[in-house]
Amino acid sequence: MNTVLKASVRLALATIGTGVGAVLAALRFLAGAAETAPADDELSSSVRGGLLNYRTGKFDDGTDPAGIYKPD
């Protein structure tokens, strides 16, 4: 009886360990497959400099027709 209980506990722990391992492997796969793209702000002219648009509070190339720029 005692050996059956020990074997059942070992089997349960092995099954739980295998399940946890499978979940972790799936999470690693999904995290590794995720592709991140740079934000629009990183691709804009603000990275290269530009004029401060007081309407948006960001730097841009100065061509926003509704933008408010400091006169030269």
Protein backbone atom coordinates (compact mmCIF):
# COMPACT_ATOMS: atom_id res chain seq x y z
CA MET A 1 0.00 0.00 0.00
CA ASN A 2 2.75 2.40 0.96
CA THR A 3 4.64 1.78 -2.30
CA VAL A 4 1.49 2.41 -4.35
CA LEU A 5 1.02 5.79 -2.64
CA LYS A 6 4.66 6.73 -3.24
CA ALA A 7 4.42 5.73 -6.89
CA SER A 8 1.20 7.74 -7.29
CA VAL A 9 2.81 10.84 -5.77
CA ARG A 10 5.86 10.46 -8.00
CA LEU A 11 3.66 10.09 -11.06
CA ALA A 12 1.60 13.16 -10.08
CA LEU A 13 4.73 15.26 -9.53
CA ALA A 14 6.21 14.10 -12.83
CA THR A 15 2.99 14.95 -14.64
CA ILE A 16 2.83 18.41 -13.05
CA GLY A 17 6.49 19.02 -13.85
CA THR A 18 5.96 18.03 -17.47
CA GLY A 19 2.94 20.34 -17.73
CA VAL A 20 4.82 23.28 -16.26
CA GLY A 21 7.73 22.59 -18.60
CA ALA A 22 5.41 22.53 -21.61
CA VAL A 23 3.80 25.83 -20.60
CA LEU A 24 7.21 27.46 -20.12
CA ALA A 25 8.40 26.16 -23.49
CA ALA A 26 5.30 27.59 -25.17
CA LEU A 27 5.83 30.97 -23.49
CA ARG A 28 9.48 31.03 -24.58
CA PHE A 29 8.45 30.21 -28.13
CA LEU A 30 5.82 32.94 -28.23
CA ALA A 31 8.13 35.52 -26.66
CA GLY A 32 10.90 34.67 -29.09
CA ALA A 33 8.62 34.88 -32.08
CA ALA A 34 7.33 38.35 -31.19
CA GLU A 35 8.60 40.99 -33.56
CA THR A 36 8.66 44.55 -32.37
CA ALA A 37 8.53 47.47 -34.74
CA PRO A 38 9.84 50.91 -33.87
CA ALA A 39 7.27 53.48 -32.92
CA ASP A 40 6.24 56.10 -35.45
CA ASP A 41 8.08 58.74 -33.44
CA GLU A 42 11.35 56.84 -33.79
CA LEU A 43 11.01 56.82 -37.57
CA SER A 44 10.04 60.45 -37.93
CA SER A 45 12.30 63.40 -38.48
CA SER A 46 12.41 64.06 -34.74
CA VAL A 47 15.24 61.55 -34.49
CA ARG A 48 17.20 63.59 -37.00
CA GLY A 49 16.16 66.91 -35.49
CA GLY A 50 13.59 69.26 -36.88
CA LEU A 51 11.32 72.05 -35.74
CA LEU A 52 9.30 71.99 -32.55
CA ASN A 53 5.62 71.85 -33.37
CA TYR A 54 3.96 73.61 -30.44
CA ARG A 55 0.57 72.14 -31.38
CA THR A 56 1.72 68.53 -30.97
CA GLY A 57 4.67 69.10 -28.66
CA LYS A 58 6.91 67.04 -30.93
CA PHE A 59 9.69 67.77 -33.39
CA ASP A 60 8.81 67.35 -37.05
CA ASP A 61 9.97 68.54 -40.46
CA GLY A 62 7.97 71.78 -40.29
CA THR A 63 5.42 70.95 -42.95
CA ASP A 64 2.34 70.38 -40.77
CA PRO A 65 -0.22 72.85 -42.16
CA ALA A 66 -1.97 73.11 -38.78
CA GLY A 67 1.30 73.18 -36.83
CA ILE A 68 2.43 76.12 -34.74
CA TYR A 69 6.11 76.84 -35.21
CA LYS A 70 8.38 79.52 -33.74
CA PRO A 71 9.15 82.13 -36.39
CA ASP A 72 12.81 82.44 -37.41
